[in-house]
Amino acid sequence: MEWFQFDYIEIGNYEVTEDFTVEAKLFGRKKIVGVFDPGTNLLKFDDLDYVPMVKTPTFIVKSSADLKSWRKVSRIEAVAKNSEWGEPVAVRFRSTAAERQFYVVQIYDE
């Protein structure tokens, strides 16, 4: 006997209604309510646990030697399009040891 279980995505509108409560109006189904547990980083819908994924925000990295004039860093490595809710997003770029720079990451909320 073989049994395959596949992960799938529910498409719909998700809205945070309280601190840790999420309402989901799924296409073709009724509205369901989930609760996020920040201790486990899991979102529970209908007694099933899910790892919530969010779109990685748009960002720009700038560098400066004197904290007055800033220039955009262009050697940024590719960043994942999605990340787990509550987990940090890593920004990587190449820099030589001789460069003594300050860096700032500007994040844009879409």
C-alpha atoms as a PDB file:
ATOM      1  CA  MET A   1       0.000   0.000   0.000  1.00  0.00           C
ATOM      2  CA  GLU A   2       1.311   3.431  -0.884  1.00  0.00           C
ATOM      3  CA  TRP A   3       0.074   6.707   0.517  1.00  0.00           C
ATOM      4  CA  PHE A   4       1.098  10.105  -0.745  1.00  0.00           C
ATOM      5  CA  GLN A   5       0.343  13.318   1.046  1.00  0.00           C
ATOM      6  CA  PHE A   6       0.958  16.598  -0.726  1.00  0.00           C
ATOM      7  CA  ASP A   7       1.136  20.111   0.669  1.00  0.00           C
ATOM      8  CA  TYR A   8      -1.096  22.627  -0.996  1.00  0.00           C
ATOM      9  CA  ILE A   9      -1.901  26.310  -0.876  1.00  0.00           C
ATOM     10  CA  GLU A  10      -5.322  27.696   0.026  1.00  0.00           C
ATOM     11  CA  ILE A  11      -5.993  30.857  -1.962  1.00  0.00           C
ATOM     12  CA  GLY A  12      -8.146  33.497  -0.390  1.00  0.00           C
ATOM     13  CA  ASN A  13      -8.121  36.642   1.678  1.00  0.00           C
ATOM     14  CA  TYR A  14      -6.336  36.519   5.023  1.00  0.00           C
ATOM     15  CA  GLU A  15      -6.809  39.260   7.613  1.00  0.00           C
ATOM     16  CA  VAL A  16      -5.267  39.699  11.058  1.00  0.00           C
ATOM     17  CA  THR A  17      -8.237  40.598  13.288  1.00  0.00           C
ATOM     18  CA  GLU A  18      -6.637  40.593  16.748  1.00  0.00           C
ATOM     19  CA  ASP A  19      -3.122  40.236  18.113  1.00  0.00           C
ATOM     20  CA  PHE A  20      -2.768  36.548  17.229  1.00  0.00           C
ATOM     21  CA  THR A  21      -6.008  35.768  15.358  1.00  0.00           C
ATOM     22  CA  VAL A  22      -6.270  35.394  11.574  1.00  0.00           C
ATOM     23  CA  GLU A  23      -9.534  35.172   9.605  1.00  0.00           C
ATOM     24  CA  ALA A  24      -9.344  33.417   6.266  1.00  0.00           C
ATOM     25  CA  LYS A  25     -12.029  33.778   3.601  1.00  0.00           C
ATOM     26  CA  LEU A  26     -11.022  30.961   1.284  1.00  0.00           C
ATOM     27  CA  PHE A  27     -12.296  30.803  -2.270  1.00  0.00           C
ATOM     28  CA  GLY A  28     -15.018  28.193  -2.497  1.00  0.00           C
ATOM     29  CA  ARG A  29     -15.197  27.658   1.290  1.00  0.00           C
ATOM     30  CA  LYS A  30     -16.569  29.386   4.332  1.00  0.00           C
ATOM     31  CA  LYS A  31     -14.587  31.707   6.572  1.00  0.00           C
ATOM     32  CA  ILE A  32     -12.282  29.987   9.070  1.00  0.00           C
ATOM     33  CA  VAL A  33     -10.397  31.447  12.033  1.00  0.00           C
ATOM     34  CA  GLY A  34      -6.841  30.577  12.967  1.00  0.00           C
ATOM     35  CA  VAL A  35      -4.688  31.407  15.969  1.00  0.00           C
ATOM     36  CA  PHE A  36      -0.965  32.129  15.785  1.00  0.00           C
ATOM     37  CA  ASP A  37       1.249  30.824  18.598  1.00  0.00           C
ATOM     38  CA  PRO A  38       4.403  33.003  18.794  1.00  0.00           C
ATOM     39  CA  GLY A  39       6.100  30.420  21.040  1.00  0.00           C
ATOM     40  CA  THR A  40       6.021  27.703  18.370  1.00  0.00           C
ATOM     41  CA  ASN A  41       5.726  30.035  15.329  1.00  0.00           C
ATOM     42  CA  LEU A  42       2.758  27.970  14.128  1.00  0.00           C
ATOM     43  CA  LEU A  43      -0.653  29.032  12.858  1.00  0.00           C
ATOM     44  CA  LYS A  44      -3.457  26.646  13.844  1.00  0.00           C
ATOM     45  CA  PHE A  45      -6.539  26.241  11.608  1.00  0.00           C
ATOM     46  CA  ASP A  46      -9.062  23.450  12.323  1.00  0.00           C
ATOM     47  CA  ASP A  47      -6.636  21.719  14.747  1.00  0.00           C
ATOM     48  CA  LEU A  48      -3.932  21.579  12.060  1.00  0.00           C
ATOM     49  CA  ASP A  49      -0.628  23.442  12.458  1.00  0.00           C
ATOM     50  CA  TYR A  50       0.836  25.481   9.604  1.00  0.00           C
ATOM     51  CA  VAL A  51       4.060  27.403   9.244  1.00  0.00           C
ATOM     52  CA  PRO A  52       2.905  30.824   8.022  1.00  0.00           C
ATOM     53  CA  MET A  53       4.819  32.229   5.051  1.00  0.00           C
ATOM     54  CA  VAL A  54       5.024  35.918   4.177  1.00  0.00           C
ATOM     55  CA  LYS A  55       6.311  37.771   1.141  1.00  0.00           C
ATOM     56  CA  THR A  56       9.828  39.110   1.677  1.00  0.00           C
ATOM     57  CA  PRO A  57       9.644  42.913   1.703  1.00  0.00           C
ATOM     58  CA  THR A  58      11.373  45.107  -0.852  1.00  0.00           C
ATOM     59  CA  PHE A  59      14.598  46.561   0.504  1.00  0.00           C
ATOM     60  CA  ILE A  60      17.668  48.587  -0.462  1.00  0.00           C
ATOM     61  CA  VAL A  61      21.104  48.312   1.169  1.00  0.00           C
ATOM     62  CA  LYS A  62      23.269  51.445   1.359  1.00  0.00           C
ATOM     63  CA  SER A  63      26.835  51.949   2.588  1.00  0.00           C
ATOM     64  CA  SER A  64      28.780  54.910   3.932  1.00  0.00           C
ATOM     65  CA  ALA A  65      32.297  55.560   5.166  1.00  0.00           C
ATOM     66  CA  ASP A  66      31.372  58.724   7.091  1.00  0.00           C
ATOM     67  CA  LEU A  67      27.642  58.314   7.934  1.00  0.00           C
ATOM     68  CA  LYS A  68      26.939  61.421   5.812  1.00  0.00           C
ATOM     69  CA  SER A  69      27.015  60.342   2.183  1.00  0.00           C
ATOM     70  CA  TRP A  70      25.370  57.032   1.300  1.00  0.00           C
ATOM     71  CA  ARG A  71      25.531  54.926  -1.853  1.00  0.00           C
ATOM     72  CA  LYS A  72      23.432  51.972  -2.922  1.00  0.00           C
ATOM     73  CA  VAL A  73      25.122  48.555  -2.622  1.00  0.00           C
ATOM     74  CA  SER A  74      24.750  46.734  -5.924  1.00  0.00           C
ATOM     75  CA  ARG A  75      26.322  43.355  -5.111  1.00  0.00           C
ATOM     76  CA  ILE A  76      23.388  41.902  -3.168  1.00  0.00           C
ATOM     77  CA  GLU A  77      22.858  38.150  -3.477  1.00  0.00           C
ATOM     78  CA  ALA A  78      19.388  36.867  -4.369  1.00  0.00           C
ATOM     79  CA  VAL A  79      16.937  36.809  -1.460  1.00  0.00           C
ATOM     80  CA  ALA A  80      14.113  34.269  -1.092  1.00  0.00           C
ATOM     81  CA  LYS A  81      10.734  35.605  -2.278  1.00  0.00           C
ATOM     82  CA  ASN A  82       8.992  34.204   0.816  1.00  0.00           C
ATOM     83  CA  SER A  83      10.061  33.661   4.393  1.00  0.00           C
ATOM     84  CA  GLU A  84       8.602  32.112   7.521  1.00  0.00           C
ATOM     85  CA  TRP A  85       6.577  34.495   9.660  1.00  0.00           C
ATOM     86  CA  GLY A  86       8.650  35.541  12.672  1.00  0.00           C
ATOM     87  CA  GLU A  87      11.973  34.399  11.226  1.00  0.00           C
ATOM     88  CA  PRO A  88      14.728  36.814  10.154  1.00  0.00           C
ATOM     89  CA  VAL A  89      15.482  37.490   6.501  1.00  0.00           C
ATOM     90  CA  ALA A  90      19.176  37.306   5.628  1.00  0.00           C
ATOM     91  CA  VAL A  91      20.656  39.952   3.335  1.00  0.00           C
ATOM     92  CA  ARG A  92      24.041  38.995   1.895  1.00  0.00           C
ATOM     93  CA  PHE A  93      26.447  41.025  -0.202  1.00  0.00           C
ATOM     94  CA  ARG A  94      30.142  40.968  -0.991  1.00  0.00           C
ATOM     95  CA  SER A  95      32.552  43.345   0.678  1.00  0.00           C
ATOM     96  CA  THR A  96      36.332  43.393   0.828  1.00  0.00           C
ATOM     97  CA  ALA A  97      38.175  43.358   4.141  1.00  0.00           C
ATOM     98  CA  ALA A  98      39.819  46.684   3.222  1.00  0.00           C
ATOM     99  CA  GLU A  99      36.434  48.439   3.048  1.00  0.00           C
ATOM    100  CA  ARG A 100      35.495  49.959   6.379  1.00  0.00           C
ATOM    101  CA  GLN A 101      31.866  50.850   5.852  1.00  0.00           C
ATOM    102  CA  PHE A 102      28.650  51.403   7.740  1.00  0.00           C
ATOM    103  CA  TYR A 103      25.567  49.727   6.270  1.00  0.00           C
ATOM    104  CA  VAL A 104      21.865  50.441   6.453  1.00  0.00           C
ATOM    105  CA  VAL A 105      18.987  48.337   5.133  1.00  0.00           C
ATOM    106  CA  GLN A 106      15.900  50.306   4.112  1.00  0.00           C
ATOM    107  CA  ILE A 107      12.738  48.165   4.108  1.00  0.00           C
ATOM    108  CA  TYR A 108       9.681  49.250   2.143  1.00  0.00           C
ATOM    109  CA  ASP A 109       6.171  48.218   3.181  1.00  0.00           C
ATOM    110  CA  GLU A 110       4.020  47.493   0.156  1.00  0.00           C
END
